[in-house]
Amino acid sequence: MTTYITNTYQETWVEDPRFSNVMVQLLVSQTHTSSASVIRVRVQPSGQISSHVHVDETEIIWIEQGRPVLVIDDTDYLLEAGSCAVIPPGSTHSLHNPGDDTVEILAVHTPPVR
């Protein structure tokens, strides 16, 4: 493994075709390390990351801005800037933005999903 440094201000935002009104920056991927992937996510107002499961990966999300609703195994959690959540492998989860402001998230998956 070699050292890898990136800058989120220089990375390109791309639309995530799986989810409505969601953009992503893939900051760290399997190309860089076999330990984790790091993804920055923007969820526009009324946008959502639909229900899905990571069979083998733990997902850790940190809310940079906004007030999303995270649903894990049918339990709703209203999050805000500064909130951090750990989603265990095998948990059904989704996230939606009911507010008027964009939600920004930093998501870490271990092992990496991309």
PDB file of N, CA and C in Angstrom:
ATOM      1  N   MET A   1       0.851  -1.176   0.000  1.00  0.00           N
ATOM      2  CA  MET A   1       0.000   0.000   0.000  1.00  0.00           C
ATOM      3  C   MET A   1       0.897   1.239   0.000  1.00  0.00           C
ATOM      4  N   THR A   2       0.467   2.253  -0.751  1.00  0.00           N
ATOM      5  CA  THR A   2       1.211   3.503  -0.795  1.00  0.00           C
ATOM      6  C   THR A   2       0.389   4.619  -0.161  1.00  0.00           C
ATOM      7  N   THR A   3       1.061   5.679   0.192  1.00  0.00           N
ATOM      8  CA  THR A   3       0.382   6.842   0.757  1.00  0.00           C
ATOM      9  C   THR A   3      -0.510   7.467  -0.306  1.00  0.00           C
ATOM     10  N   TYR A   4      -1.703   7.893   0.099  1.00  0.00           N
ATOM     11  CA  TYR A   4      -2.650   8.536  -0.818  1.00  0.00           C
ATOM     12  C   TYR A   4      -3.245   9.743  -0.109  1.00  0.00           C
ATOM     13  N   ILE A   5      -3.230  10.882  -0.766  1.00  0.00           N
ATOM     14  CA  ILE A   5      -3.798  12.111  -0.212  1.00  0.00           C
ATOM     15  C   ILE A   5      -4.734  12.705  -1.246  1.00  0.00           C
ATOM     16  N   THR A   6      -5.916  13.142  -0.802  1.00  0.00           N
ATOM     17  CA  THR A   6      -6.873  13.781  -1.700  1.00  0.00           C
ATOM     18  C   THR A   6      -7.423  15.033  -1.031  1.00  0.00           C
ATOM     19  N   ASN A   7      -8.099  15.851  -1.818  1.00  0.00           N
ATOM     20  CA  ASN A   7      -8.707  17.085  -1.319  1.00  0.00           C
ATOM     21  C   ASN A   7     -10.146  17.124  -1.816  1.00  0.00           C
ATOM     22  N   THR A   8     -11.100  17.150  -0.893  1.00  0.00           N
ATOM     23  CA  THR A   8     -12.509  17.107  -1.297  1.00  0.00           C
ATOM     24  C   THR A   8     -12.897  18.289  -2.168  1.00  0.00           C
ATOM     25  N   TYR A   9     -12.189  19.402  -2.047  1.00  0.00           N
ATOM     26  CA  TYR A   9     -12.511  20.575  -2.859  1.00  0.00           C
ATOM     27  C   TYR A   9     -12.071  20.411  -4.305  1.00  0.00           C
ATOM     28  N   GLN A  10     -11.246  19.400  -4.582  1.00  0.00           N
ATOM     29  CA  GLN A  10     -10.769  19.164  -5.939  1.00  0.00           C
ATOM     30  C   GLN A  10     -11.421  17.946  -6.583  1.00  0.00           C
ATOM     31  N   GLU A  11     -12.138  17.159  -5.813  1.00  0.00           N
ATOM     32  CA  GLU A  11     -12.788  15.963  -6.344  1.00  0.00           C
ATOM     33  C   GLU A  11     -14.102  16.330  -7.034  1.00  0.00           C
ATOM     34  N   THR A  12     -14.462  15.567  -8.043  1.00  0.00           N
ATOM     35  CA  THR A  12     -15.675  15.803  -8.817  1.00  0.00           C
ATOM     36  C   THR A  12     -16.885  15.161  -8.131  1.00  0.00           C
ATOM     37  N   TRP A  13     -17.994  15.899  -8.095  1.00  0.00           N
ATOM     38  CA  TRP A  13     -19.266  15.347  -7.623  1.00  0.00           C
ATOM     39  C   TRP A  13     -19.924  14.644  -8.804  1.00  0.00           C
ATOM     40  N   VAL A  14     -20.426  13.423  -8.588  1.00  0.00           N
ATOM     41  CA  VAL A  14     -21.139  12.691  -9.629  1.00  0.00           C
ATOM     42  C   VAL A  14     -22.486  12.227  -9.083  1.00  0.00           C
ATOM     43  N   GLU A  15     -23.458  12.156  -9.970  1.00  0.00           N
ATOM     44  CA  GLU A  15     -24.785  11.689  -9.580  1.00  0.00           C
ATOM     45  C   GLU A  15     -24.721  10.196  -9.289  1.00  0.00           C
ATOM     46  N   ASP A  16     -25.350   9.782  -8.199  1.00  0.00           N
ATOM     47  CA  ASP A  16     -25.429   8.359  -7.878  1.00  0.00           C
ATOM     48  C   ASP A  16     -26.681   7.814  -8.549  1.00  0.00           C
ATOM     49  N   PRO A  17     -26.536   6.978  -9.586  1.00  0.00           N
ATOM     50  CA  PRO A  17     -27.701   6.523 -10.353  1.00  0.00           C
ATOM     51  C   PRO A  17     -28.665   5.644  -9.564  1.00  0.00           C
ATOM     52  N   ARG A  18     -28.231   5.160  -8.411  1.00  0.00           N
ATOM     53  CA  ARG A  18     -29.094   4.274  -7.618  1.00  0.00           C
ATOM     54  C   ARG A  18     -30.112   5.023  -6.781  1.00  0.00           C
ATOM     55  N   PHE A  19     -29.842   6.316  -6.523  1.00  0.00           N
ATOM     56  CA  PHE A  19     -30.654   7.041  -5.556  1.00  0.00           C
ATOM     57  C   PHE A  19     -31.117   8.382  -6.112  1.00  0.00           C
ATOM     58  N   SER A  20     -32.282   8.848  -5.649  1.00  0.00           N
ATOM     59  CA  SER A  20     -32.905  10.085  -6.112  1.00  0.00           C
ATOM     60  C   SER A  20     -32.275  11.313  -5.464  1.00  0.00           C
ATOM     61  N   ASN A  21     -31.830  12.273  -6.296  1.00  0.00           N
ATOM     62  CA  ASN A  21     -31.275  13.551  -5.819  1.00  0.00           C
ATOM     63  C   ASN A  21     -30.071  13.376  -4.897  1.00  0.00           C
ATOM     64  N   VAL A  22     -29.175  12.451  -5.265  1.00  0.00           N
ATOM     65  CA  VAL A  22     -27.989  12.164  -4.460  1.00  0.00           C
ATOM     66  C   VAL A  22     -26.738  12.286  -5.332  1.00  0.00           C
ATOM     67  N   MET A  23     -25.748  13.034  -4.823  1.00  0.00           N
ATOM     68  CA  MET A  23     -24.455  13.193  -5.487  1.00  0.00           C
ATOM     69  C   MET A  23     -23.381  12.619  -4.562  1.00  0.00           C
ATOM     70  N   VAL A  24     -22.291  12.093  -5.158  1.00  0.00           N
ATOM     71  CA  VAL A  24     -21.220  11.511  -4.346  1.00  0.00           C
ATOM     72  C   VAL A  24     -19.845  11.936  -4.852  1.00  0.00           C
ATOM     73  N   GLN A  25     -18.902  11.933  -3.931  1.00  0.00           N
ATOM     74  CA  GLN A  25     -17.477  12.043  -4.229  1.00  0.00           C
ATOM     75  C   GLN A  25     -16.826  10.794  -3.639  1.00  0.00           C
ATOM     76  N   LEU A  26     -16.212   9.980  -4.482  1.00  0.00           N
ATOM     77  CA  LEU A  26     -15.490   8.809  -3.991  1.00  0.00           C
ATOM     78  C   LEU A  26     -14.076   9.259  -3.641  1.00  0.00           C
ATOM     79  N   LEU A  27     -13.796   9.388  -2.350  1.00  0.00           N
ATOM     80  CA  LEU A  27     -12.522   9.939  -1.886  1.00  0.00           C
ATOM     81  C   LEU A  27     -11.444   8.876  -1.713  1.00  0.00           C
ATOM     82  N   VAL A  28     -11.824   7.737  -1.140  1.00  0.00           N
ATOM     83  CA  VAL A  28     -10.900   6.619  -0.948  1.00  0.00           C
ATOM     84  C   VAL A  28     -11.639   5.356  -1.369  1.00  0.00           C
ATOM     85  N   SER A  29     -10.992   4.533  -2.191  1.00  0.00           N
ATOM     86  CA  SER A  29     -11.654   3.335  -2.705  1.00  0.00           C
ATOM     87  C   SER A  29     -10.740   2.118  -2.585  1.00  0.00           C
ATOM     88  N   GLN A  30     -11.219   0.997  -3.102  1.00  0.00           N
ATOM     89  CA  GLN A  30     -10.432  -0.235  -3.121  1.00  0.00           C
ATOM     90  C   GLN A  30      -9.130  -0.049  -3.885  1.00  0.00           C
ATOM     91  N   THR A  31      -9.101   0.913  -4.785  1.00  0.00           N
ATOM     92  CA  THR A  31      -7.879   1.218  -5.523  1.00  0.00           C
ATOM     93  C   THR A  31      -6.771   1.685  -4.579  1.00  0.00           C
ATOM     94  N   HIS A  32      -7.163   2.342  -3.496  1.00  0.00           N
ATOM     95  CA  HIS A  32      -6.197   2.938  -2.568  1.00  0.00           C
ATOM     96  C   HIS A  32      -5.869   2.054  -1.375  1.00  0.00           C
ATOM     97  N   THR A  33      -6.858   1.287  -0.898  1.00  0.00           N
ATOM     98  CA  THR A  33      -6.660   0.452   0.289  1.00  0.00           C
ATOM     99  C   THR A  33      -7.715  -0.647   0.334  1.00  0.00           C
ATOM    100  N   SER A  34      -7.358  -1.756   0.934  1.00  0.00           N
ATOM    101  CA  SER A  34      -8.330  -2.843   1.115  1.00  0.00           C
ATOM    102  C   SER A  34      -9.045  -2.726   2.463  1.00  0.00           C
ATOM    103  N   SER A  35      -8.759  -1.660   3.206  1.00  0.00           N
ATOM    104  CA  SER A  35      -9.313  -1.508   4.555  1.00  0.00           C
ATOM    105  C   SER A  35     -10.658  -0.806   4.612  1.00  0.00           C
ATOM    106  N   ALA A  36     -10.849   0.237   3.783  1.00  0.00           N
ATOM    107  CA  ALA A  36     -12.072   1.043   3.891  1.00  0.00           C
ATOM    108  C   ALA A  36     -12.282   1.862   2.627  1.00  0.00           C
ATOM    109  N   SER A  37     -13.520   2.289   2.430  1.00  0.00           N
ATOM    110  CA  SER A  37     -13.814   3.301   1.412  1.00  0.00           C
ATOM    111  C   SER A  37     -14.389   4.515   2.134  1.00  0.00           C
ATOM    112  N   VAL A  38     -14.117   5.690   1.581  1.00  0.00           N
ATOM    113  CA  VAL A  38     -14.615   6.938   2.154  1.00  0.00           C
ATOM    114  C   VAL A  38     -15.348   7.680   1.048  1.00  0.00           C
ATOM    115  N   ILE A  39     -16.609   8.006   1.305  1.00  0.00           N
ATOM    116  CA  ILE A  39     -17.461   8.633   0.301  1.00  0.00           C
ATOM    117  C   ILE A  39     -18.125   9.857   0.916  1.00  0.00           C
ATOM    118  N   ARG A  40     -18.057  10.958   0.218  1.00  0.00           N
ATOM    119  CA  ARG A  40     -18.785  12.161   0.634  1.00  0.00           C
ATOM    120  C   ARG A  40     -20.091  12.169  -0.147  1.00  0.00           C
ATOM    121  N   VAL A  41     -21.195  12.444   0.534  1.00  0.00           N
ATOM    122  CA  VAL A  41     -22.529  12.316  -0.050  1.00  0.00           C
ATOM    123  C   VAL A  41     -23.300  13.611   0.147  1.00  0.00           C
ATOM    124  N   ARG A  42     -23.987  14.049  -0.901  1.00  0.00           N
ATOM    125  CA  ARG A  42     -24.920  15.184  -0.817  1.00  0.00           C
ATOM    126  C   ARG A  42     -26.316  14.678  -1.158  1.00  0.00           C
ATOM    127  N   VAL A  43     -27.248  14.935  -0.248  1.00  0.00           N
ATOM    128  CA  VAL A  43     -28.645  14.559  -0.469  1.00  0.00           C
ATOM    129  C   VAL A  43     -29.445  15.853  -0.533  1.00  0.00           C
ATOM    130  N   GLN A  44     -29.997  16.132  -1.701  1.00  0.00           N
ATOM    131  CA  GLN A  44     -30.772  17.351  -1.903  1.00  0.00           C
ATOM    132  C   GLN A  44     -32.104  17.257  -1.147  1.00  0.00           C
ATOM    133  N   PRO A  45     -32.774  18.397  -0.904  1.00  0.00           N
ATOM    134  CA  PRO A  45     -34.100  18.353  -0.290  1.00  0.00           C
ATOM    135  C   PRO A  45     -35.009  17.386  -1.049  1.00  0.00           C
ATOM    136  N   SER A  46     -35.730  16.567  -0.341  1.00  0.00           N
ATOM    137  CA  SER A  46     -36.606  15.492  -0.826  1.00  0.00           C
ATOM    138  C   SER A  46     -35.831  14.325  -1.431  1.00  0.00           C
ATOM    139  N   GLY A  47     -34.506  14.361  -1.393  1.00  0.00           N
ATOM    140  CA  GLY A  47     -33.702  13.245  -1.888  1.00  0.00           C
ATOM    141  C   GLY A  47     -33.661  12.114  -0.877  1.00  0.00           C
ATOM    142  N   GLN A  48     -33.292  10.932  -1.383  1.00  0.00           N
ATOM    143  CA  GLN A  48     -33.226   9.796  -0.472  1.00  0.00           C
ATOM    144  C   GLN A  48     -32.252   8.736  -0.959  1.00  0.00           C
ATOM    145  N   ILE A  49     -31.684   8.049  -0.001  1.00  0.00           N
ATOM    146  CA  ILE A  49     -30.908   6.841  -0.249  1.00  0.00           C
ATOM    147  C   ILE A  49     -31.836   5.710   0.160  1.00  0.00           C
ATOM    148  N   SER A  50     -32.337   4.983  -0.823  1.00  0.00           N
ATOM    149  CA  SER A  50     -33.373   3.989  -0.554  1.00  0.00           C
ATOM    150  C   SER A  50     -32.828   2.812   0.257  1.00  0.00           C
ATOM    151  N   SER A  51     -33.744   2.045   0.790  1.00  0.00           N
ATOM    152  CA  SER A  51     -33.441   0.935   1.682  1.00  0.00           C
ATOM    153  C   SER A  51     -32.494  -0.073   1.016  1.00  0.00           C
ATOM    154  N   HIS A  52     -31.422  -0.417   1.738  1.00  0.00           N
ATOM    155  CA  HIS A  52     -30.450  -1.385   1.238  1.00  0.00           C
ATOM    156  C   HIS A  52     -29.708  -2.014   2.417  1.00  0.00           C
ATOM    157  N   VAL A  53     -28.928  -3.040   2.109  1.00  0.00           N
ATOM    158  CA  VAL A  53     -28.180  -3.780   3.132  1.00  0.00           C
ATOM    159  C   VAL A  53     -26.747  -3.963   2.646  1.00  0.00           C
ATOM    160  N   HIS A  54     -25.783  -3.776   3.539  1.00  0.00           N
ATOM    161  CA  HIS A  54     -24.395  -4.163   3.286  1.00  0.00           C
ATOM    162  C   HIS A  54     -24.175  -5.459   4.068  1.00  0.00           C
ATOM    163  N   VAL A  55     -24.012  -6.549   3.351  1.00  0.00           N
ATOM    164  CA  VAL A  55     -23.923  -7.857   3.998  1.00  0.00           C
ATOM    165  C   VAL A  55     -22.678  -7.971   4.872  1.00  0.00           C
ATOM    166  N   ASP A  56     -21.542  -7.511   4.363  1.00  0.00           N
ATOM    167  CA  ASP A  56     -20.273  -7.716   5.066  1.00  0.00           C
ATOM    168  C   ASP A  56     -19.652  -6.444   5.631  1.00  0.00           C
ATOM    169  N   GLU A  57     -20.170  -5.285   5.266  1.00  0.00           N
ATOM    170  CA  GLU A  57     -19.521  -4.025   5.610  1.00  0.00           C
ATOM    171  C   GLU A  57     -20.200  -3.321   6.784  1.00  0.00           C
ATOM    172  N   THR A  58     -19.383  -2.735   7.641  1.00  0.00           N
ATOM    173  CA  THR A  58     -19.862  -1.773   8.627  1.00  0.00           C
ATOM    174  C   THR A  58     -19.841  -0.416   7.946  1.00  0.00           C
ATOM    175  N   GLU A  59     -20.895   0.376   8.132  1.00  0.00           N
ATOM    176  CA  GLU A  59     -20.936   1.735   7.581  1.00  0.00           C
ATOM    177  C   GLU A  59     -20.984   2.725   8.742  1.00  0.00           C
ATOM    178  N   ILE A  60     -20.108   3.700   8.686  1.00  0.00           N
ATOM    179  CA  ILE A  60     -20.087   4.771   9.683  1.00  0.00           C
ATOM    180  C   ILE A  60     -20.375   6.065   8.940  1.00  0.00           C
ATOM    181  N   ILE A  61     -21.398   6.799   9.390  1.00  0.00           N
ATOM    182  CA  ILE A  61     -21.703   8.070   8.735  1.00  0.00           C
ATOM    183  C   ILE A  61     -21.572   9.208   9.734  1.00  0.00           C
ATOM    184  N   TRP A  62     -21.074  10.314   9.235  1.00  0.00           N
ATOM    185  CA  TRP A  62     -20.953  11.544  10.019  1.00  0.00           C
ATOM    186  C   TRP A  62     -21.664  12.633   9.245  1.00  0.00           C
ATOM    187  N   ILE A  63     -22.576  13.343   9.894  1.00  0.00           N
ATOM    188  CA  ILE A  63     -23.364  14.386   9.243  1.00  0.00           C
ATOM    189  C   ILE A  63     -22.588  15.698   9.293  1.00  0.00           C
ATOM    190  N   GLU A  64     -22.217  16.199   8.115  1.00  0.00           N
ATOM    191  CA  GLU A  64     -21.511  17.481   8.016  1.00  0.00           C
ATOM    192  C   GLU A  64     -22.486  18.648   8.113  1.00  0.00           C
ATOM    193  N   GLN A  65     -23.646  18.498   7.447  1.00  0.00           N
ATOM    194  CA  GLN A  65     -24.666  19.553   7.507  1.00  0.00           C
ATOM    195  C   GLN A  65     -26.028  18.960   7.192  1.00  0.00           C
ATOM    196  N   GLY A  66     -27.063  19.639   7.664  1.00  0.00           N
ATOM    197  CA  GLY A  66     -28.434  19.214   7.413  1.00  0.00           C
ATOM    198  C   GLY A  66     -29.007  18.378   8.546  1.00  0.00           C
ATOM    199  N   ARG A  67     -30.264  17.939   8.335  1.00  0.00           N
ATOM    200  CA  ARG A  67     -30.997  17.170   9.343  1.00  0.00           C
ATOM    201  C   ARG A  67     -31.701  15.993   8.668  1.00  0.00           C
ATOM    202  N   PRO A  68     -30.945  14.956   8.310  1.00  0.00           N
ATOM    203  CA  PRO A  68     -31.565  13.808   7.657  1.00  0.00           C
ATOM    204  C   PRO A  68     -32.243  12.875   8.656  1.00  0.00           C
ATOM    205  N   VAL A  69     -33.099  12.018   8.116  1.00  0.00           N
ATOM    206  CA  VAL A  69     -33.679  10.929   8.901  1.00  0.00           C
ATOM    207  C   VAL A  69     -33.018   9.636   8.426  1.00  0.00           C
ATOM    208  N   LEU A  70     -32.363   8.956   9.347  1.00  0.00           N
ATOM    209  CA  LEU A  70     -31.732   7.669   9.090  1.00  0.00           C
ATOM    210  C   LEU A  70     -32.655   6.590   9.636  1.00  0.00           C
ATOM    211  N   VAL A  71     -32.945   5.587   8.829  1.00  0.00           N
ATOM    212  CA  VAL A  71     -33.776   4.466   9.267  1.00  0.00           C
ATOM    213  C   VAL A  71     -32.894   3.218   9.272  1.00  0.00           C
ATOM    214  N   ILE A  72     -32.776   2.588  10.444  1.00  0.00           N
ATOM    215  CA  ILE A  72     -32.018   1.344  10.577  1.00  0.00           C
ATOM    216  C   ILE A  72     -32.957   0.296  11.148  1.00  0.00           C
ATOM    217  N   ASP A  73     -33.171  -0.774  10.380  1.00  0.00           N
ATOM    218  CA  ASP A  73     -34.040  -1.872  10.827  1.00  0.00           C
ATOM    219  C   ASP A  73     -35.361  -1.352  11.395  1.00  0.00           C
ATOM    220  N   ASP A  74     -36.030  -0.487  10.633  1.00  0.00           N
ATOM    221  CA  ASP A  74     -37.359   0.055  10.949  1.00  0.00           C
ATOM    222  C   ASP A  74     -37.398   1.033  12.124  1.00  0.00           C
ATOM    223  N   THR A  75     -36.258   1.501  12.601  1.00  0.00           N
ATOM    224  CA  THR A  75     -36.219   2.532  13.640  1.00  0.00           C
ATOM    225  C   THR A  75     -35.705   3.823  13.024  1.00  0.00           C
ATOM    226  N   ASP A  76     -36.457   4.928  13.214  1.00  0.00           N
ATOM    227  CA  ASP A  76     -36.084   6.237  12.669  1.00  0.00           C
ATOM    228  C   ASP A  76     -35.203   7.001  13.653  1.00  0.00           C
ATOM    229  N   TYR A  77     -34.156   7.634  13.102  1.00  0.00           N
ATOM    230  CA  TYR A  77     -33.261   8.475  13.894  1.00  0.00           C
ATOM    231  C   TYR A  77     -33.143   9.820  13.191  1.00  0.00           C
ATOM    232  N   LEU A  78     -33.554  10.898  13.846  1.00  0.00           N
ATOM    233  CA  LEU A  78     -33.377  12.240  13.300  1.00  0.00           C
ATOM    234  C   LEU A  78     -31.975  12.703  13.670  1.00  0.00           C
ATOM    235  N   LEU A  79     -31.156  12.936  12.656  1.00  0.00           N
ATOM    236  CA  LEU A  79     -29.769  13.335  12.874  1.00  0.00           C
ATOM    237  C   LEU A  79     -29.600  14.811  12.559  1.00  0.00           C
ATOM    238  N   GLU A  80     -28.473  15.366  12.982  1.00  0.00           N
ATOM    239  CA  GLU A  80     -28.155  16.764  12.699  1.00  0.00           C
ATOM    240  C   GLU A  80     -26.653  16.879  12.515  1.00  0.00           C
ATOM    241  N   ALA A  81     -26.205  18.049  12.079  1.00  0.00           N
ATOM    242  CA  ALA A  81     -24.775  18.274  11.884  1.00  0.00           C
ATOM    243  C   ALA A  81     -24.014  17.893  13.148  1.00  0.00           C
ATOM    244  N   GLY A  82     -22.967  17.101  12.972  1.00  0.00           N
ATOM    245  CA  GLY A  82     -22.177  16.621  14.096  1.00  0.00           C
ATOM    246  C   GLY A  82     -22.553  15.225  14.550  1.00  0.00           C
ATOM    247  N   SER A  83     -23.731  14.729  14.141  1.00  0.00           N
ATOM    248  CA  SER A  83     -24.145  13.371  14.518  1.00  0.00           C
ATOM    249  C   SER A  83     -23.289  12.339  13.794  1.00  0.00           C
ATOM    250  N   CYS A  84     -23.079  11.216  14.472  1.00  0.00           N
ATOM    251  CA  CYS A  84     -22.330  10.102  13.898  1.00  0.00           C
ATOM    252  C   CYS A  84     -23.118   8.830  14.184  1.00  0.00           C
ATOM    253  N   ALA A  85     -23.205   7.932  13.208  1.00  0.00           N
ATOM    254  CA  ALA A  85     -23.950   6.689  13.394  1.00  0.00           C
ATOM    255  C   ALA A  85     -23.135   5.523  12.848  1.00  0.00           C
ATOM    256  N   VAL A  86     -23.209   4.395  13.538  1.00  0.00           N
ATOM    257  CA  VAL A  86     -22.575   3.160  13.089  1.00  0.00           C
ATOM    258  C   VAL A  86     -23.684   2.207  12.670  1.00  0.00           C
ATOM    259  N   ILE A  87     -23.606   1.729  11.429  1.00  0.00           N
ATOM    260  CA  ILE A  87     -24.609   0.812  10.888  1.00  0.00           C
ATOM    261  C   ILE A  87     -23.938  -0.554  10.740  1.00  0.00           C
ATOM    262  N   PRO A  88     -24.347  -1.534  11.553  1.00  0.00           N
ATOM    263  CA  PRO A  88     -23.694  -2.844  11.523  1.00  0.00           C
ATOM    264  C   PRO A  88     -23.972  -3.606  10.225  1.00  0.00           C
ATOM    265  N   PRO A  89     -23.090  -4.533   9.859  1.00  0.00           N
ATOM    266  CA  PRO A  89     -23.344  -5.376   8.696  1.00  0.00           C
ATOM    267  C   PRO A  89     -24.685  -6.092   8.838  1.00  0.00           C
ATOM    268  N   GLY A  90     -25.382  -6.245   7.721  1.00  0.00           N
ATOM    269  CA  GLY A  90     -26.653  -6.955   7.716  1.00  0.00           C
ATOM    270  C   GLY A  90     -27.856  -6.126   8.103  1.00  0.00           C
ATOM    271  N   SER A  91     -27.659  -4.860   8.457  1.00  0.00           N
ATOM    272  CA  SER A  91     -28.775  -3.988   8.853  1.00  0.00           C
ATOM    273  C   SER A  91     -29.403  -3.339   7.623  1.00  0.00           C
ATOM    274  N   THR A  92     -30.710  -3.420   7.529  1.00  0.00           N
ATOM    275  CA  THR A  92     -31.426  -2.711   6.471  1.00  0.00           C
ATOM    276  C   THR A  92     -31.471  -1.244   6.861  1.00  0.00           C
ATOM    277  N   HIS A  93     -31.055  -0.372   5.942  1.00  0.00           N
ATOM    278  CA  HIS A  93     -31.014   1.052   6.282  1.00  0.00           C
ATOM    279  C   HIS A  93     -31.305   1.923   5.068  1.00  0.00           C
ATOM    280  N   SER A  94     -31.772   3.136   5.372  1.00  0.00           N
ATOM    281  CA  SER A  94     -32.059   4.139   4.347  1.00  0.00           C
ATOM    282  C   SER A  94     -31.874   5.507   4.990  1.00  0.00           C
ATOM    283  N   LEU A  95     -31.884   6.536   4.152  1.00  0.00           N
ATOM    284  CA  LEU A  95     -31.737   7.898   4.660  1.00  0.00           C
ATOM    285  C   LEU A  95     -32.506   8.815   3.734  1.00  0.00           C
ATOM    286  N   HIS A  96     -33.229   9.766   4.300  1.00  0.00           N
ATOM    287  CA  HIS A  96     -33.903  10.749   3.454  1.00  0.00           C
ATOM    288  C   HIS A  96     -33.770  12.143   4.056  1.00  0.00           C
ATOM    289  N   ASN A  97     -33.919  13.122   3.179  1.00  0.00           N
ATOM    290  CA  ASN A  97     -33.784  14.522   3.570  1.00  0.00           C
ATOM    291  C   ASN A  97     -35.149  15.192   3.495  1.00  0.00           C
ATOM    292  N   PRO A  98     -35.840  15.327   4.633  1.00  0.00           N
ATOM    293  CA  PRO A  98     -37.156  15.954   4.633  1.00  0.00           C
ATOM    294  C   PRO A  98     -37.094  17.481   4.682  1.00  0.00           C
ATOM    295  N   GLY A  99     -35.897  18.038   4.849  1.00  0.00           N
ATOM    296  CA  GLY A  99     -35.752  19.481   5.055  1.00  0.00           C
ATOM    297  C   GLY A  99     -35.598  20.273   3.771  1.00  0.00           C
ATOM    298  N   ASP A 100     -35.374  21.566   3.930  1.00  0.00           N
ATOM    299  CA  ASP A 100     -35.198  22.485   2.808  1.00  0.00           C
ATOM    300  C   ASP A 100     -33.733  22.707   2.454  1.00  0.00           C
ATOM    301  N   ASP A 101     -32.818  22.210   3.284  1.00  0.00           N
ATOM    302  CA  ASP A 101     -31.387  22.398   3.063  1.00  0.00           C
ATOM    303  C   ASP A 101     -30.738  21.090   2.625  1.00  0.00           C
ATOM    304  N   THR A 102     -29.651  21.204   1.880  1.00  0.00           N
ATOM    305  CA  THR A 102     -28.891  20.037   1.456  1.00  0.00           C
ATOM    306  C   THR A 102     -28.251  19.364   2.666  1.00  0.00           C
ATOM    307  N   VAL A 103     -28.269  18.037   2.661  1.00  0.00           N
ATOM    308  CA  VAL A 103     -27.588  17.238   3.677  1.00  0.00           C
ATOM    309  C   VAL A 103     -26.238  16.813   3.100  1.00  0.00           C
ATOM    310  N   GLU A 104     -25.176  16.955   3.891  1.00  0.00           N
ATOM    311  CA  GLU A 104     -23.858  16.462   3.492  1.00  0.00           C
ATOM    312  C   GLU A 104     -23.375  15.465   4.528  1.00  0.00           C
ATOM    313  N   ILE A 105     -22.868  14.348   4.025  1.00  0.00           N
ATOM    314  CA  ILE A 105     -22.488  13.212   4.862  1.00  0.00           C
ATOM    315  C   ILE A 105     -21.104  12.734   4.450  1.00  0.00           C
ATOM    316  N   LEU A 106     -20.335  12.284   5.411  1.00  0.00           N
ATOM    317  CA  LEU A 106     -19.113  11.547   5.140  1.00  0.00           C
ATOM    318  C   LEU A 106     -19.383  10.109   5.559  1.00  0.00           C
ATOM    319  N   ALA A 107     -19.251   9.170   4.616  1.00  0.00           N
ATOM    320  CA  ALA A 107     -19.543   7.763   4.888  1.00  0.00           C
ATOM    321  C   ALA A 107     -18.269   6.936   4.743  1.00  0.00           C
ATOM    322  N   VAL A 108     -18.009   6.106   5.739  1.00  0.00           N
ATOM    323  CA  VAL A 108     -16.867   5.200   5.719  1.00  0.00           C
ATOM    324  C   VAL A 108     -17.412   3.779   5.755  1.00  0.00           C
ATOM    325  N   HIS A 109     -16.965   2.948   4.819  1.00  0.00           N
ATOM    326  CA  HIS A 109     -17.363   1.540   4.778  1.00  0.00           C
ATOM    327  C   HIS A 109     -16.116   0.691   4.994  1.00  0.00           C
ATOM    328  N   THR A 110     -16.240  -0.288   5.879  1.00  0.00           N
ATOM    329  CA  THR A 110     -15.119  -1.186   6.098  1.00  0.00           C
ATOM    330  C   THR A 110     -15.615  -2.629   6.183  1.00  0.00           C
ATOM    331  N   PRO A 111     -15.114  -3.518   5.350  1.00  0.00           N
ATOM    332  CA  PRO A 111     -14.201  -3.262   4.246  1.00  0.00           C
ATOM    333  C   PRO A 111     -14.851  -2.382   3.180  1.00  0.00           C
ATOM    334  N   PRO A 112     -14.078  -1.917   2.188  1.00  0.00           N
ATOM    335  CA  PRO A 112     -14.620  -0.974   1.207  1.00  0.00           C
ATOM    336  C   PRO A 112     -15.724  -1.589   0.350  1.00  0.00           C
ATOM    337  N   VAL A 113     -16.700  -0.742  -0.031  1.00  0.00           N
ATOM    338  CA  VAL A 113     -17.786  -1.186  -0.910  1.00  0.00           C
ATOM    339  C   VAL A 113     -17.517  -0.821  -2.364  1.00  0.00           C
ATOM    340  N   ARG A 114     -16.569   0.075  -2.595  1.00  0.00           N
ATOM    341  CA  ARG A 114     -16.260   0.490  -3.975  1.00  0.00           C
ATOM    342  C   ARG A 114     -14.768   0.473  -4.191  1.00  0.00           C
TER     343      ARG A 114
END
